[in-house]
Each structure stands twice: as structure tokens, then as C-alpha cells.
Amino acid sequence: MRTLRIGTFSPSVVLGVATATGALDTAGLTITQVPARNSPEQFAALLAGELDAVITSPDNVLAYRFVADNPLGHTSDLRILAAVDRGLGLSLFTAPGVEDIDSLRGGVLGVDVPTSGFAFVAYELLARQGVKAGIDCEVAALGSTPRRAEALAEGRCAVTVLNAGNDLHAERAGCHRLSRAKEIGPYVGTVLASTAERQEEWLAALVGVIVDTSGRLASGHLHECASSVTAQLMGLGDDDVRRYVELLADPEEGLVADGRVDRESLDTLVTLRMRHHAGSAGLANALRHDTGLLDERFLPGAAP
């Protein structure tokens, strides 16, 4: 039995269900989910060998593979092994008492880090409503999604982006959902990623379990198990558990059944990064000459 340390931002219901159904055990794996405080810390741990793989925003993989001025200051051979979800409700939220876009001017936008990940979704959704991040509102690094949800509810920021059950907690706390990431276009919210040096045998087993479990959940199966795991991991009430489990099967925002990053979603990620980060101007050209970002060897139906 191999124990894997998987870095996460929000608790992974997919991994929780795979544990509860025995799928991981059958594959000879046990999982320890390691919550990240922020994405630089998560990727530093991955590159140091303290984590075996991460479930993270695909934009973070772009940053640490291609962009030299990323928060760690160097690039590495990072690979996306499978797409996990399409955002799980990723949305722009305002704090209690902040009910319209004009109230955000002069306030604080909370992000994980300003130059990576979901921050670009926040910038884009705000820009579409006439608010320029860094000009009309201050941008503050507040860390992972659960930390930002807490900061928003407590009024330590006026606006942020939330998903994966954190959005449902925020609604219960009186926060307001202004717009959704799916309005931008096709999108992938999180992926399974690792480095090129990791052992292939357990990577193949892990990818297989995640894709199979995601496919079953996306088809509406394992509802009872998913509900139990969601309640346990997320601490949500019955109504919100139902909403979350239904979201897993949503074709626009739910799980990616086949584990593949589609070209349209990758284009959305690249466009957002190039639009909102000057240091990524050459990303599209770099991708045209890159063959290692999407490592699909372990996906069902992959060429031998």
C-alpha cells in the first residue's frame, strides 16, 4: 500500500468518495490531503518532494512551468495529469453589506496571490463590470479559498472569488454572488498536477481512480456516498450538500468525466493570464512549442 500526500486548497470530495468506496484501496493507495495556505507554498512543497501531487488551479501550473517571474522565481517541469473540475461554482462574491459593484471602489479584493490562479478570474469579472483591480480597488494576497471565504465573511476584504463549497458557506454568512466564472467561457477550475520525476506506477493508479470516480459522480451515481462525504468534509447543511452534489454533475461547472483538458478551456486560461499579467505576454507562443504541459499518458484511451 502506497500512501500519497496530495496538496489541496479545499477538501477534495472526489478523493473522499474514492476512499469511501474502496477505489483507492483497490488501487493500492491511501491518501493524505494536505491543505495549502497559498499556491506558492503548495508548489514549493511539491518541488521539494513534500507532496506527491497537487490538486490546483491549472493557471498555477502555467505560472510555475512557463513564467519566470512567478512567486517562486523559477520554472520547473510541471505536468497536468488530469482535469478534475470546471470550477465547482467559482464566482465573484462580495462581503455582507456590499450589494452592488459601485460599493467595491476603494475596497479590497482578496486573492490567493496577485499573479496566479483564480486572481485572473476575479480581475476579468470585475473588469466586465467596470472595476479595474489595482486601480479602483486594492488587491491583497489572502491565501487559499477557505481563508478568503473567512476573510470575506469577516469584512477583511470587500470582494473575492470562491468555489467548492466555500461559496455556499459564504452565502450562509450573508455574502453576495455577483457573477460566475462560466460567464467568461469554457473553463477548468482544478487539475491534478505533479512533476516529471514522480514514479509512473502510482501516478497511473491515482489518475485512474480520480477519473473513474469523477466519471461516476458526473453521471449522477454514488449520490448517497457523495452526500455523506460532502457533509463530512465541507461541514455543510442538508440543503447545501444537495446543491453541491448536484453541482458535481453540472456540465458547465462540475467534474470533468474523462479527465481531459479541452482546447477551449486552455485557451480561456491563457487569454486571462496574458490579458491580466504583463509578464505572460509570450505564453501563447511558448505553448505552441511545448509538448509536456498536458501529460495524458495515464488517461483512459490514451495512446500507448
C-alpha atoms as a PDB file:
ATOM      1  CA  MET A   1       0.000   0.000   0.000  1.00  0.00           C
ATOM      2  CA  ARG A   2       1.425   3.378  -1.041  1.00  0.00           C
ATOM      3  CA  THR A   3       0.490   6.495   0.947  1.00  0.00           C
ATOM      4  CA  LEU A   4       0.363   9.683  -1.136  1.00  0.00           C
ATOM      5  CA  ARG A   5       0.378  13.243   0.140  1.00  0.00           C
ATOM      6  CA  ILE A   6      -1.877  15.315  -2.120  1.00  0.00           C
ATOM      7  CA  GLY A   7      -1.882  19.095  -1.767  1.00  0.00           C
ATOM      8  CA  THR A   8      -5.348  20.666  -1.920  1.00  0.00           C
ATOM      9  CA  PHE A   9      -6.909  24.077  -1.379  1.00  0.00           C
ATOM     10  CA  SER A  10     -10.408  22.919  -0.492  1.00  0.00           C
ATOM     11  CA  PRO A  11     -11.106  19.338   0.652  1.00  0.00           C
ATOM     12  CA  SER A  12     -11.483  17.046  -2.366  1.00  0.00           C
ATOM     13  CA  VAL A  13     -14.826  15.264  -2.414  1.00  0.00           C
ATOM     14  CA  VAL A  14     -13.581  13.129  -5.311  1.00  0.00           C
ATOM     15  CA  LEU A  15     -10.728  11.779  -3.185  1.00  0.00           C
ATOM     16  CA  GLY A  16     -13.100  11.401  -0.248  1.00  0.00           C
ATOM     17  CA  VAL A  17     -15.539   9.351  -2.303  1.00  0.00           C
ATOM     18  CA  ALA A  18     -12.705   7.278  -3.781  1.00  0.00           C
ATOM     19  CA  THR A  19     -11.633   6.467  -0.234  1.00  0.00           C
ATOM     20  CA  ALA A  20     -15.165   5.664   0.950  1.00  0.00           C
ATOM     21  CA  THR A  21     -15.930   3.358  -1.994  1.00  0.00           C
ATOM     22  CA  GLY A  22     -12.674   1.453  -1.621  1.00  0.00           C
ATOM     23  CA  ALA A  23     -11.437   2.522  -5.066  1.00  0.00           C
ATOM     24  CA  LEU A  24      -8.172   3.843  -3.659  1.00  0.00           C
ATOM     25  CA  ASP A  25      -7.664   0.734  -1.558  1.00  0.00           C
ATOM     26  CA  THR A  26      -8.209  -1.481  -4.609  1.00  0.00           C
ATOM     27  CA  ALA A  27      -5.547   0.557  -6.426  1.00  0.00           C
ATOM     28  CA  GLY A  28      -3.122   0.046  -3.545  1.00  0.00           C
ATOM     29  CA  LEU A  29      -3.235   3.684  -2.466  1.00  0.00           C
ATOM     30  CA  THR A  30      -4.063   5.689   0.625  1.00  0.00           C
ATOM     31  CA  ILE A  31      -4.356   9.471   0.510  1.00  0.00           C
ATOM     32  CA  THR A  32      -3.490  12.234   2.930  1.00  0.00           C
ATOM     33  CA  GLN A  33      -4.978  15.559   1.844  1.00  0.00           C
ATOM     34  CA  VAL A  34      -2.632  18.408   2.787  1.00  0.00           C
ATOM     35  CA  PRO A  35      -4.369  21.820   2.812  1.00  0.00           C
ATOM     36  CA  ALA A  36      -2.353  24.689   1.347  1.00  0.00           C
ATOM     37  CA  ARG A  37      -2.215  28.155   2.838  1.00  0.00           C
ATOM     38  CA  ASN A  38      -1.416  29.593  -0.603  1.00  0.00           C
ATOM     39  CA  SER A  39      -0.225  28.452  -4.026  1.00  0.00           C
ATOM     40  CA  PRO A  40       3.489  29.379  -3.675  1.00  0.00           C
ATOM     41  CA  GLU A  41       3.651  27.274  -0.519  1.00  0.00           C
ATOM     42  CA  GLN A  42       1.866  24.406  -2.279  1.00  0.00           C
ATOM     43  CA  PHE A  43       4.237  24.369  -5.241  1.00  0.00           C
ATOM     44  CA  ALA A  44       7.332  24.830  -3.094  1.00  0.00           C
ATOM     45  CA  ALA A  45       6.268  21.725  -1.159  1.00  0.00           C
ATOM     46  CA  LEU A  46       5.616  19.791  -4.381  1.00  0.00           C
ATOM     47  CA  LEU A  47       9.012  20.680  -5.826  1.00  0.00           C
ATOM     48  CA  ALA A  48      10.725  19.825  -2.534  1.00  0.00           C
ATOM     49  CA  GLY A  49       9.181  16.349  -2.580  1.00  0.00           C
ATOM     50  CA  GLU A  50       6.998  17.033   0.457  1.00  0.00           C
ATOM     51  CA  LEU A  51       3.901  16.448  -1.695  1.00  0.00           C
ATOM     52  CA  ASP A  52       3.420  13.729  -4.284  1.00  0.00           C
ATOM     53  CA  ALA A  53       0.901  15.659  -6.379  1.00  0.00           C
ATOM     54  CA  VAL A  54      -1.416  18.654  -6.097  1.00  0.00           C
ATOM     55  CA  ILE A  55      -4.999  19.474  -6.960  1.00  0.00           C
ATOM     56  CA  THR A  56      -4.723  23.085  -8.001  1.00  0.00           C
ATOM     57  CA  SER A  57      -5.727  25.756 -10.500  1.00  0.00           C
ATOM     58  CA  PRO A  58      -4.305  24.939 -13.947  1.00  0.00           C
ATOM     59  CA  ASP A  59      -3.150  28.543 -14.166  1.00  0.00           C
ATOM     60  CA  ASN A  60      -0.769  27.828 -11.294  1.00  0.00           C
ATOM     61  CA  VAL A  61       0.795  25.088 -13.421  1.00  0.00           C
ATOM     62  CA  LEU A  62       1.152  27.556 -16.298  1.00  0.00           C
ATOM     63  CA  ALA A  63       2.835  30.032 -13.951  1.00  0.00           C
ATOM     64  CA  TYR A  64       5.365  27.618 -12.495  1.00  0.00           C
ATOM     65  CA  ARG A  65       6.110  25.917 -15.816  1.00  0.00           C
ATOM     66  CA  PHE A  66       6.395  28.914 -18.148  1.00  0.00           C
ATOM     67  CA  VAL A  67       6.534  32.278 -16.349  1.00  0.00           C
ATOM     68  CA  ALA A  68       9.929  33.202 -14.902  1.00  0.00           C
ATOM     69  CA  ASP A  69       8.633  35.910 -12.562  1.00  0.00           C
ATOM     70  CA  ASN A  70       6.243  33.577 -10.749  1.00  0.00           C
ATOM     71  CA  PRO A  71       6.211  33.829  -6.930  1.00  0.00           C
ATOM     72  CA  LEU A  72       8.948  31.164  -6.594  1.00  0.00           C
ATOM     73  CA  GLY A  73      11.215  32.945  -9.075  1.00  0.00           C
ATOM     74  CA  HIS A  74      11.980  29.903 -11.253  1.00  0.00           C
ATOM     75  CA  THR A  75      10.224  27.482 -13.596  1.00  0.00           C
ATOM     76  CA  SER A  76      10.059  23.680 -13.349  1.00  0.00           C
ATOM     77  CA  ASP A  77       8.925  20.703 -15.411  1.00  0.00           C
ATOM     78  CA  LEU A  78       5.383  20.504 -14.046  1.00  0.00           C
ATOM     79  CA  ARG A  79       2.708  18.423 -15.743  1.00  0.00           C
ATOM     80  CA  ILE A  80      -1.083  18.424 -15.779  1.00  0.00           C
ATOM     81  CA  LEU A  81      -2.083  14.772 -15.433  1.00  0.00           C
ATOM     82  CA  ALA A  82      -5.871  15.166 -15.437  1.00  0.00           C
ATOM     83  CA  ALA A  83      -8.569  17.817 -15.368  1.00  0.00           C
ATOM     84  CA  VAL A  84     -10.684  17.457 -12.224  1.00  0.00           C
ATOM     85  CA  ASP A  85     -13.465  20.057 -12.420  1.00  0.00           C
ATOM     86  CA  ARG A  86     -14.790  23.116 -14.246  1.00  0.00           C
ATOM     87  CA  GLY A  87     -14.818  25.462 -11.276  1.00  0.00           C
ATOM     88  CA  LEU A  88     -17.424  23.973  -8.918  1.00  0.00           C
ATOM     89  CA  GLY A  89     -19.408  27.190  -8.725  1.00  0.00           C
ATOM     90  CA  LEU A  90     -16.415  29.550  -8.980  1.00  0.00           C
ATOM     91  CA  SER A  91     -17.938  33.010  -8.585  1.00  0.00           C
ATOM     92  CA  LEU A  92     -17.243  36.601  -7.655  1.00  0.00           C
ATOM     93  CA  PHE A  93     -18.560  37.302  -4.153  1.00  0.00           C
ATOM     94  CA  THR A  94     -18.956  40.472  -2.130  1.00  0.00           C
ATOM     95  CA  ALA A  95     -18.927  40.821   1.647  1.00  0.00           C
ATOM     96  CA  PRO A  96     -22.111  41.196   3.717  1.00  0.00           C
ATOM     97  CA  GLY A  97     -23.462  44.696   3.226  1.00  0.00           C
ATOM     98  CA  VAL A  98     -21.681  45.154  -0.126  1.00  0.00           C
ATOM     99  CA  GLU A  99     -24.508  44.586  -2.567  1.00  0.00           C
ATOM    100  CA  ASP A 100     -23.525  46.432  -5.745  1.00  0.00           C
ATOM    101  CA  ILE A 101     -20.458  46.902  -7.890  1.00  0.00           C
ATOM    102  CA  ASP A 102     -20.002  50.592  -7.112  1.00  0.00           C
ATOM    103  CA  SER A 103     -19.559  49.793  -3.425  1.00  0.00           C
ATOM    104  CA  LEU A 104     -16.359  47.928  -4.293  1.00  0.00           C
ATOM    105  CA  ARG A 105     -14.490  51.065  -5.325  1.00  0.00           C
ATOM    106  CA  GLY A 106     -11.863  51.829  -2.723  1.00  0.00           C
ATOM    107  CA  GLY A 107     -12.311  48.404  -1.149  1.00  0.00           C
ATOM    108  CA  VAL A 108     -10.068  45.328  -1.020  1.00  0.00           C
ATOM    109  CA  LEU A 109     -10.083  42.430  -3.486  1.00  0.00           C
ATOM    110  CA  GLY A 110      -8.810  39.290  -1.764  1.00  0.00           C
ATOM    111  CA  VAL A 111      -6.826  36.828  -3.895  1.00  0.00           C
ATOM    112  CA  ASP A 112      -4.578  33.834  -3.282  1.00  0.00           C
ATOM    113  CA  VAL A 113      -1.645  35.669  -4.875  1.00  0.00           C
ATOM    114  CA  PRO A 114      -1.990  38.609  -7.300  1.00  0.00           C
ATOM    115  CA  THR A 115      -0.253  36.984 -10.290  1.00  0.00           C
ATOM    116  CA  SER A 116      -1.650  33.468 -10.447  1.00  0.00           C
ATOM    117  CA  GLY A 117      -4.671  31.204 -10.297  1.00  0.00           C
ATOM    118  CA  PHE A 118      -8.179  32.434  -9.638  1.00  0.00           C
ATOM    119  CA  ALA A 119      -6.959  36.049  -9.328  1.00  0.00           C
ATOM    120  CA  PHE A 120      -7.275  36.428 -13.100  1.00  0.00           C
ATOM    121  CA  VAL A 121     -10.899  35.293 -12.956  1.00  0.00           C
ATOM    122  CA  ALA A 122     -11.545  37.971 -10.338  1.00  0.00           C
ATOM    123  CA  TYR A 123      -9.849  40.649 -12.452  1.00  0.00           C
ATOM    124  CA  GLU A 124     -11.850  39.675 -15.531  1.00  0.00           C
ATOM    125  CA  LEU A 125     -15.234  39.509 -13.804  1.00  0.00           C
ATOM    126  CA  LEU A 126     -14.601  42.882 -12.155  1.00  0.00           C
ATOM    127  CA  ALA A 127     -13.397  44.448 -15.415  1.00  0.00           C
ATOM    128  CA  ARG A 128     -16.583  43.362 -17.157  1.00  0.00           C
ATOM    129  CA  GLN A 129     -18.475  45.430 -14.600  1.00  0.00           C
ATOM    130  CA  GLY A 130     -16.230  48.467 -14.964  1.00  0.00           C
ATOM    131  CA  VAL A 131     -13.947  47.935 -11.954  1.00  0.00           C
ATOM    132  CA  LYS A 132     -10.180  47.767 -12.524  1.00  0.00           C
ATOM    133  CA  ALA A 133      -8.342  45.704  -9.928  1.00  0.00           C
ATOM    134  CA  GLY A 134      -5.364  47.574  -8.538  1.00  0.00           C
ATOM    135  CA  ILE A 135      -6.833  50.914  -9.584  1.00  0.00           C
ATOM    136  CA  ASP A 136     -10.430  51.037  -8.400  1.00  0.00           C
ATOM    137  CA  CYS A 137      -9.808  48.552  -5.599  1.00  0.00           C
ATOM    138  CA  GLU A 138      -6.764  47.332  -3.700  1.00  0.00           C
ATOM    139  CA  VAL A 139      -5.519  43.784  -4.344  1.00  0.00           C
ATOM    140  CA  ALA A 140      -4.458  41.840  -1.240  1.00  0.00           C
ATOM    141  CA  ALA A 141      -2.915  38.356  -1.016  1.00  0.00           C
ATOM    142  CA  LEU A 142      -5.082  36.467   1.485  1.00  0.00           C
ATOM    143  CA  GLY A 143      -4.224  32.882   0.590  1.00  0.00           C
ATOM    144  CA  SER A 144      -6.337  29.828  -0.147  1.00  0.00           C
ATOM    145  CA  THR A 145     -10.049  29.787  -0.917  1.00  0.00           C
ATOM    146  CA  PRO A 146     -11.179  28.771   2.607  1.00  0.00           C
ATOM    147  CA  ARG A 147      -9.063  31.589   4.061  1.00  0.00           C
ATOM    148  CA  ARG A 148     -10.568  34.097   1.646  1.00  0.00           C
ATOM    149  CA  ALA A 149     -14.095  32.922   2.448  1.00  0.00           C
ATOM    150  CA  GLU A 150     -13.411  33.563   6.114  1.00  0.00           C
ATOM    151  CA  ALA A 151     -11.884  36.968   5.371  1.00  0.00           C
ATOM    152  CA  LEU A 152     -14.889  37.943   3.245  1.00  0.00           C
ATOM    153  CA  ALA A 153     -17.431  36.945   5.872  1.00  0.00           C
ATOM    154  CA  GLU A 154     -15.487  38.899   8.489  1.00  0.00           C
ATOM    155  CA  GLY A 155     -15.258  42.002   6.289  1.00  0.00           C
ATOM    156  CA  ARG A 156     -11.467  41.877   5.895  1.00  0.00           C
ATOM    157  CA  CYS A 157     -11.991  42.152   2.145  1.00  0.00           C
ATOM    158  CA  ALA A 158     -14.882  43.502   0.104  1.00  0.00           C
ATOM    159  CA  VAL A 159     -14.753  41.025  -2.769  1.00  0.00           C
ATOM    160  CA  THR A 160     -13.120  37.737  -3.774  1.00  0.00           C
ATOM    161  CA  VAL A 161     -13.736  34.604  -5.841  1.00  0.00           C
ATOM    162  CA  LEU A 162     -14.971  31.451  -4.103  1.00  0.00           C
ATOM    163  CA  ASN A 163     -15.959  27.912  -5.073  1.00  0.00           C
ATOM    164  CA  ALA A 164     -16.054  24.269  -3.964  1.00  0.00           C
ATOM    165  CA  GLY A 165     -18.416  24.654  -1.025  1.00  0.00           C
ATOM    166  CA  ASN A 166     -16.719  27.780   0.280  1.00  0.00           C
ATOM    167  CA  ASP A 167     -19.193  29.736  -1.840  1.00  0.00           C
ATOM    168  CA  LEU A 168     -22.106  28.043  -0.078  1.00  0.00           C
ATOM    169  CA  HIS A 169     -20.674  28.849   3.352  1.00  0.00           C
ATOM    170  CA  ALA A 170     -20.259  32.460   2.199  1.00  0.00           C
ATOM    171  CA  GLU A 171     -23.891  32.698   1.127  1.00  0.00           C
ATOM    172  CA  ARG A 172     -24.976  31.434   4.544  1.00  0.00           C
ATOM    173  CA  ALA A 173     -22.812  34.159   6.095  1.00  0.00           C
ATOM    174  CA  GLY A 174     -24.638  36.863   4.133  1.00  0.00           C
ATOM    175  CA  CYS A 175     -22.178  37.299   1.253  1.00  0.00           C
ATOM    176  CA  HIS A 176     -23.469  38.016  -2.250  1.00  0.00           C
ATOM    177  CA  ARG A 177     -22.716  36.144  -5.502  1.00  0.00           C
ATOM    178  CA  LEU A 178     -22.269  38.766  -8.243  1.00  0.00           C
ATOM    179  CA  SER A 179     -21.183  36.718 -11.271  1.00  0.00           C
ATOM    180  CA  ARG A 180     -19.820  33.315 -12.224  1.00  0.00           C
ATOM    181  CA  ALA A 181     -16.605  32.231 -13.929  1.00  0.00           C
ATOM    182  CA  LYS A 182     -18.565  30.280 -16.544  1.00  0.00           C
ATOM    183  CA  GLU A 183     -19.668  33.645 -17.985  1.00  0.00           C
ATOM    184  CA  ILE A 184     -16.086  34.132 -19.220  1.00  0.00           C
ATOM    185  CA  GLY A 185     -16.141  30.995 -21.352  1.00  0.00           C
ATOM    186  CA  PRO A 186     -15.179  27.308 -21.116  1.00  0.00           C
ATOM    187  CA  TYR A 187     -13.022  26.870 -18.027  1.00  0.00           C
ATOM    188  CA  VAL A 188     -11.181  24.255 -15.993  1.00  0.00           C
ATOM    189  CA  GLY A 189     -11.089  25.059 -12.289  1.00  0.00           C
ATOM    190  CA  THR A 190      -8.718  22.448 -10.900  1.00  0.00           C
ATOM    191  CA  VAL A 191      -6.370  19.800 -12.226  1.00  0.00           C
ATOM    192  CA  LEU A 192      -4.194  17.044 -10.829  1.00  0.00           C
ATOM    193  CA  ALA A 193      -0.566  18.036 -11.350  1.00  0.00           C
ATOM    194  CA  SER A 194       2.861  16.717 -10.463  1.00  0.00           C
ATOM    195  CA  THR A 195       6.468  16.865 -11.622  1.00  0.00           C
ATOM    196  CA  ALA A 196       8.131  14.840 -14.352  1.00  0.00           C
ATOM    197  CA  GLU A 197      10.245  12.982 -11.784  1.00  0.00           C
ATOM    198  CA  ARG A 198       7.398  11.206  -9.970  1.00  0.00           C
ATOM    199  CA  GLN A 199       7.081   7.432 -10.296  1.00  0.00           C
ATOM    200  CA  GLU A 200       4.794   6.385 -13.136  1.00  0.00           C
ATOM    201  CA  GLU A 201       3.193   3.360 -11.476  1.00  0.00           C
ATOM    202  CA  TRP A 202       1.424   5.181  -8.670  1.00  0.00           C
ATOM    203  CA  LEU A 203       0.678   8.190 -10.859  1.00  0.00           C
ATOM    204  CA  ALA A 204      -1.166   5.939 -13.288  1.00  0.00           C
ATOM    205  CA  ALA A 205      -3.113   4.353 -10.427  1.00  0.00           C
ATOM    206  CA  LEU A 206      -4.034   7.736  -8.931  1.00  0.00           C
ATOM    207  CA  VAL A 207      -5.163   9.204 -12.252  1.00  0.00           C
ATOM    208  CA  GLY A 208      -7.229   6.112 -12.961  1.00  0.00           C
ATOM    209  CA  VAL A 209      -9.040   6.328  -9.629  1.00  0.00           C
ATOM    210  CA  ILE A 210      -9.716  10.066  -9.934  1.00  0.00           C
ATOM    211  CA  VAL A 211     -11.030   9.843 -13.499  1.00  0.00           C
ATOM    212  CA  ASP A 212     -13.185   6.783 -12.800  1.00  0.00           C
ATOM    213  CA  THR A 213     -14.657   8.314  -9.631  1.00  0.00           C
ATOM    214  CA  SER A 214     -15.221  11.670 -11.332  1.00  0.00           C
ATOM    215  CA  GLY A 215     -16.949   9.964 -14.237  1.00  0.00           C
ATOM    216  CA  ARG A 216     -19.322   8.099 -11.934  1.00  0.00           C
ATOM    217  CA  LEU A 217     -20.123  11.245  -9.950  1.00  0.00           C
ATOM    218  CA  ALA A 218     -20.594  13.307 -13.115  1.00  0.00           C
ATOM    219  CA  SER A 219     -23.091  10.693 -14.316  1.00  0.00           C
ATOM    220  CA  GLY A 220     -25.146  11.113 -11.146  1.00  0.00           C
ATOM    221  CA  HIS A 221     -24.019   7.880  -9.494  1.00  0.00           C
ATOM    222  CA  LEU A 222     -22.683   7.475  -5.933  1.00  0.00           C
ATOM    223  CA  HIS A 223     -25.142  10.140  -4.761  1.00  0.00           C
ATOM    224  CA  GLU A 224     -25.522   8.797  -1.232  1.00  0.00           C
ATOM    225  CA  CYS A 225     -21.789   8.348  -0.768  1.00  0.00           C
ATOM    226  CA  ALA A 226     -21.054  11.798  -2.206  1.00  0.00           C
ATOM    227  CA  SER A 227     -23.621  13.380   0.113  1.00  0.00           C
ATOM    228  CA  SER A 228     -22.099  11.737   3.172  1.00  0.00           C
ATOM    229  CA  VAL A 229     -18.545  12.690   2.188  1.00  0.00           C
ATOM    230  CA  THR A 230     -19.549  16.267   1.332  1.00  0.00           C
ATOM    231  CA  ALA A 231     -21.258  16.744   4.681  1.00  0.00           C
ATOM    232  CA  GLN A 232     -18.222  15.375   6.490  1.00  0.00           C
ATOM    233  CA  LEU A 233     -15.522  17.250   4.554  1.00  0.00           C
ATOM    234  CA  MET A 234     -17.335  20.538   3.955  1.00  0.00           C
ATOM    235  CA  GLY A 235     -19.434  20.880   7.090  1.00  0.00           C
ATOM    236  CA  LEU A 236     -22.466  21.875   5.015  1.00  0.00           C
ATOM    237  CA  GLY A 237     -26.131  21.540   5.951  1.00  0.00           C
ATOM    238  CA  ASP A 238     -28.520  19.234   4.103  1.00  0.00           C
ATOM    239  CA  ASP A 239     -29.720  21.793   1.531  1.00  0.00           C
ATOM    240  CA  ASP A 240     -26.196  22.879   0.657  1.00  0.00           C
ATOM    241  CA  VAL A 241     -24.988  19.279   0.492  1.00  0.00           C
ATOM    242  CA  ARG A 242     -27.726  18.616  -2.065  1.00  0.00           C
ATOM    243  CA  ARG A 243     -26.703  21.694  -4.092  1.00  0.00           C
ATOM    244  CA  TYR A 244     -23.041  20.701  -4.007  1.00  0.00           C
ATOM    245  CA  VAL A 245     -23.625  17.094  -5.068  1.00  0.00           C
ATOM    246  CA  GLU A 246     -25.883  18.267  -7.909  1.00  0.00           C
ATOM    247  CA  LEU A 247     -23.133  20.672  -8.997  1.00  0.00           C
ATOM    248  CA  LEU A 248     -20.680  17.789  -9.366  1.00  0.00           C
ATOM    249  CA  ALA A 249     -22.731  16.563 -12.341  1.00  0.00           C
ATOM    250  CA  ASP A 250     -23.192  20.006 -13.933  1.00  0.00           C
ATOM    251  CA  PRO A 251     -21.646  20.004 -17.453  1.00  0.00           C
ATOM    252  CA  GLU A 252     -20.540  23.653 -17.238  1.00  0.00           C
ATOM    253  CA  GLU A 253     -19.203  23.818 -13.676  1.00  0.00           C
ATOM    254  CA  GLY A 254     -18.961  20.249 -12.413  1.00  0.00           C
ATOM    255  CA  LEU A 255     -16.485  17.387 -12.668  1.00  0.00           C
ATOM    256  CA  VAL A 256     -14.609  16.530 -15.868  1.00  0.00           C
ATOM    257  CA  ALA A 257     -15.724  12.979 -16.612  1.00  0.00           C
ATOM    258  CA  ASP A 258     -12.866  11.977 -18.933  1.00  0.00           C
ATOM    259  CA  GLY A 259     -10.057  13.880 -17.219  1.00  0.00           C
ATOM    260  CA  ARG A 260      -9.059  15.785 -20.347  1.00  0.00           C
ATOM    261  CA  VAL A 261      -8.265  19.497 -20.560  1.00  0.00           C
ATOM    262  CA  ASP A 262     -10.109  20.672 -23.657  1.00  0.00           C
ATOM    263  CA  ARG A 263      -8.524  23.202 -26.002  1.00  0.00           C
ATOM    264  CA  GLU A 264     -11.236  25.821 -25.459  1.00  0.00           C
ATOM    265  CA  SER A 265     -10.734  25.830 -21.688  1.00  0.00           C
ATOM    266  CA  LEU A 266      -6.959  26.026 -22.063  1.00  0.00           C
ATOM    267  CA  ASP A 267      -7.419  28.972 -24.420  1.00  0.00           C
ATOM    268  CA  THR A 268      -9.554  30.730 -21.787  1.00  0.00           C
ATOM    269  CA  LEU A 269      -6.822  30.247 -19.175  1.00  0.00           C
ATOM    270  CA  VAL A 270      -4.104  31.534 -21.495  1.00  0.00           C
ATOM    271  CA  THR A 271      -6.183  34.528 -22.583  1.00  0.00           C
ATOM    272  CA  LEU A 272      -6.911  35.534 -18.986  1.00  0.00           C
ATOM    273  CA  ARG A 273      -3.254  35.259 -17.976  1.00  0.00           C
ATOM    274  CA  MET A 274      -1.978  37.234 -20.972  1.00  0.00           C
ATOM    275  CA  ARG A 275      -4.663  39.894 -20.528  1.00  0.00           C
ATOM    276  CA  HIS A 276      -4.052  40.470 -16.838  1.00  0.00           C
ATOM    277  CA  HIS A 277      -0.331  39.740 -16.366  1.00  0.00           C
ATOM    278  CA  ALA A 278       2.278  41.636 -18.373  1.00  0.00           C
ATOM    279  CA  GLY A 279       4.945  39.017 -17.655  1.00  0.00           C
ATOM    280  CA  SER A 280       2.956  36.377 -19.549  1.00  0.00           C
ATOM    281  CA  ALA A 281       2.949  38.120 -22.930  1.00  0.00           C
ATOM    282  CA  GLY A 282       4.851  35.268 -24.600  1.00  0.00           C
ATOM    283  CA  LEU A 283       2.807  32.431 -23.125  1.00  0.00           C
ATOM    284  CA  ALA A 284       0.791  31.580 -26.232  1.00  0.00           C
ATOM    285  CA  ASN A 285       3.972  31.237 -28.284  1.00  0.00           C
ATOM    286  CA  ALA A 286       5.621  29.119 -25.579  1.00  0.00           C
ATOM    287  CA  LEU A 287       2.641  26.763 -25.553  1.00  0.00           C
ATOM    288  CA  ARG A 288       2.840  26.274 -29.319  1.00  0.00           C
ATOM    289  CA  HIS A 289       6.321  24.803 -28.885  1.00  0.00           C
ATOM    290  CA  ASP A 290       5.626  22.861 -25.678  1.00  0.00           C
ATOM    291  CA  THR A 291       4.742  19.173 -25.596  1.00  0.00           C
ATOM    292  CA  GLY A 292       4.888  18.407 -21.886  1.00  0.00           C
ATOM    293  CA  LEU A 293       2.222  20.522 -20.165  1.00  0.00           C
ATOM    294  CA  LEU A 294      -0.656  18.111 -20.805  1.00  0.00           C
ATOM    295  CA  ASP A 295       0.614  14.662 -19.852  1.00  0.00           C
ATOM    296  CA  GLU A 296      -2.255  12.376 -20.875  1.00  0.00           C
ATOM    297  CA  ARG A 297      -0.389   9.049 -20.711  1.00  0.00           C
ATOM    298  CA  PHE A 298      -2.478   7.770 -17.817  1.00  0.00           C
ATOM    299  CA  LEU A 299      -5.912   8.847 -19.045  1.00  0.00           C
ATOM    300  CA  PRO A 300      -8.383   6.243 -20.327  1.00  0.00           C
ATOM    301  CA  GLY A 301      -7.962   5.707 -24.050  1.00  0.00           C
ATOM    302  CA  ALA A 302      -4.524   7.329 -24.200  1.00  0.00           C
ATOM    303  CA  ALA A 303      -2.204   6.096 -26.924  1.00  0.00           C
ATOM    304  CA  PRO A 304       0.371   3.586 -25.632  1.00  0.00           C
END
